[in-house]
Protein backbone atom coordinates (compact mmCIF):
# COMPACT_ATOMS: atom_id res chain seq x y z
CA MET A 1 166.09 66.48 99.31
CA THR A 2 162.66 68.09 99.63
CA ILE A 3 160.62 67.94 102.83
CA GLN A 4 158.21 65.57 101.07
CA GLU A 5 161.07 63.22 100.16
CA GLU A 6 162.43 63.39 103.71
CA VAL A 7 159.00 62.56 105.14
CA GLN A 8 158.72 59.57 102.77
CA GLU A 9 162.14 58.34 103.93
CA ARG A 10 161.19 58.71 107.60
CA LEU A 11 157.97 56.79 106.97
CA ARG A 12 160.09 53.85 105.78
CA GLU A 13 161.19 53.53 109.41
CA VAL A 14 157.61 52.73 110.49
CA ILE A 15 157.28 48.95 110.42
CA ASP A 16 153.98 47.09 110.35
CA PRO A 17 154.33 44.85 113.44
CA GLU A 18 152.37 41.98 111.91
CA LEU A 19 154.19 41.80 108.58
CA GLY A 20 157.58 43.28 109.51
CA ILE A 21 157.64 45.55 106.44
CA ASN A 22 157.62 49.34 106.36
CA VAL A 23 154.38 51.19 105.66
CA VAL A 24 155.68 52.77 102.44
CA ASP A 25 156.65 49.46 100.80
CA LEU A 26 153.40 47.90 101.99
CA GLY A 27 151.53 50.58 100.06
CA LEU A 28 149.76 51.89 103.14
CA ILE A 29 150.72 55.52 102.48
CA TYR A 30 148.34 56.97 99.90
CA LYS A 31 149.41 60.60 99.96
CA VAL A 32 151.91 62.96 101.58
CA GLU A 33 151.15 66.66 101.12
CA VAL A 34 153.46 69.40 102.35
CA ASN A 35 152.27 72.97 102.72
CA GLY A 36 155.00 75.02 104.36
CA GLU A 37 155.50 73.58 107.84
CA ASP A 38 152.33 71.47 107.66
CA VAL A 39 152.21 67.87 106.48
CA GLU A 40 149.03 65.94 105.65
CA ILE A 41 149.39 62.16 105.37
CA THR A 42 146.62 59.95 104.05
CA MET A 43 147.09 56.28 104.79
CA THR A 44 145.27 53.02 105.26
CA LEU A 45 145.87 49.76 107.08
CA THR A 46 145.85 46.19 105.83
CA THR A 47 142.53 45.43 107.52
CA MET A 48 139.70 47.62 108.73
CA GLY A 49 139.62 45.92 112.13
CA CYS A 50 143.35 46.35 112.74
CA PRO A 51 143.84 46.45 116.52
CA LEU A 52 146.92 48.64 116.05
CA HIS A 53 145.03 51.41 114.23
CA ASP A 54 145.92 54.20 116.68
CA GLN A 55 149.47 52.96 117.25
CA MET A 56 150.24 52.89 113.52
CA ALA A 57 148.79 56.36 112.87
CA ARG A 58 150.74 57.73 115.85
CA ALA A 59 153.99 56.13 114.62
CA VAL A 60 153.49 57.68 111.18
CA ARG A 61 152.85 61.09 112.73
CA PHE A 62 155.92 60.87 114.98
CA ALA A 63 158.12 59.82 112.04
CA ALA A 64 157.01 62.80 109.97
CA GLU A 65 157.44 65.19 112.92
CA ARG A 66 161.14 64.26 113.07
CA VAL A 67 161.79 65.94 109.71
CA SER A 68 163.46 69.32 110.00
CA GLY A 69 161.08 72.13 109.05
CA VAL A 70 157.91 70.17 109.85
CA LYS A 71 155.80 71.69 112.63
CA ASN A 72 152.33 70.18 112.23
CA VAL A 73 151.41 66.69 111.04
CA ASN A 74 147.90 65.41 110.45
CA VAL A 75 147.41 61.72 109.69
CA GLN A 76 144.13 60.58 108.22
CA VAL A 77 143.36 56.86 108.07
CA VAL A 78 140.99 56.02 105.22
CA TRP A 79 139.42 52.79 104.04
CA SER A 80 138.81 53.71 100.42
CA PRO A 81 140.33 52.48 98.32
CA PRO A 82 140.75 49.35 100.40
CA TRP A 83 144.29 48.06 100.68
CA ASN A 84 145.23 44.95 98.74
CA PRO A 85 148.54 43.13 98.17
CA SER A 86 148.96 44.56 94.67
CA MET A 87 149.73 47.92 96.34
CA MET A 88 152.98 46.56 97.81
CA SER A 89 156.35 47.31 96.28
CA ASP A 90 158.23 44.48 94.60
CA ALA A 91 160.64 44.44 97.56
CA ALA A 92 157.75 43.94 100.01
CA LYS A 93 156.27 41.16 97.90
CA ALA A 94 159.66 39.43 97.75
CA ALA A 95 160.10 39.76 101.52
CA LEU A 96 156.73 38.12 102.17
CA ARG A 97 157.55 35.23 99.85
CA ARG A 98 160.60 34.30 101.94
C-alpha cells in the first residue's frame, strides 16, 4: 500500500461529529498529495460556518501523521468548490437515509 493509500485509509477514521460518517465518504477530502515525507491535504466542511472547523482540520492532520513515513502534514480547508451532498459516496448516502 502506498503512503497516499495509507493516508486515505487513516482519514476514514475521522468521523464528522454531526453526521457520524467519515470525512472521506462524506466527500470532504478534495486532495491528498504526498511528496516524500510531506503530505498536503485539501479539504472542505459541510458548511462554511462549521463551529468544528479547527477540530476537524486537526483530526485530519493527526490521522495522516499516524502513517509510517509521514513527517509533515499540512491541511488546507477550502470553500471552493462548495461541498454538496452529491459528493458523498453511495455508502454515506445510504447511511444518511437510515
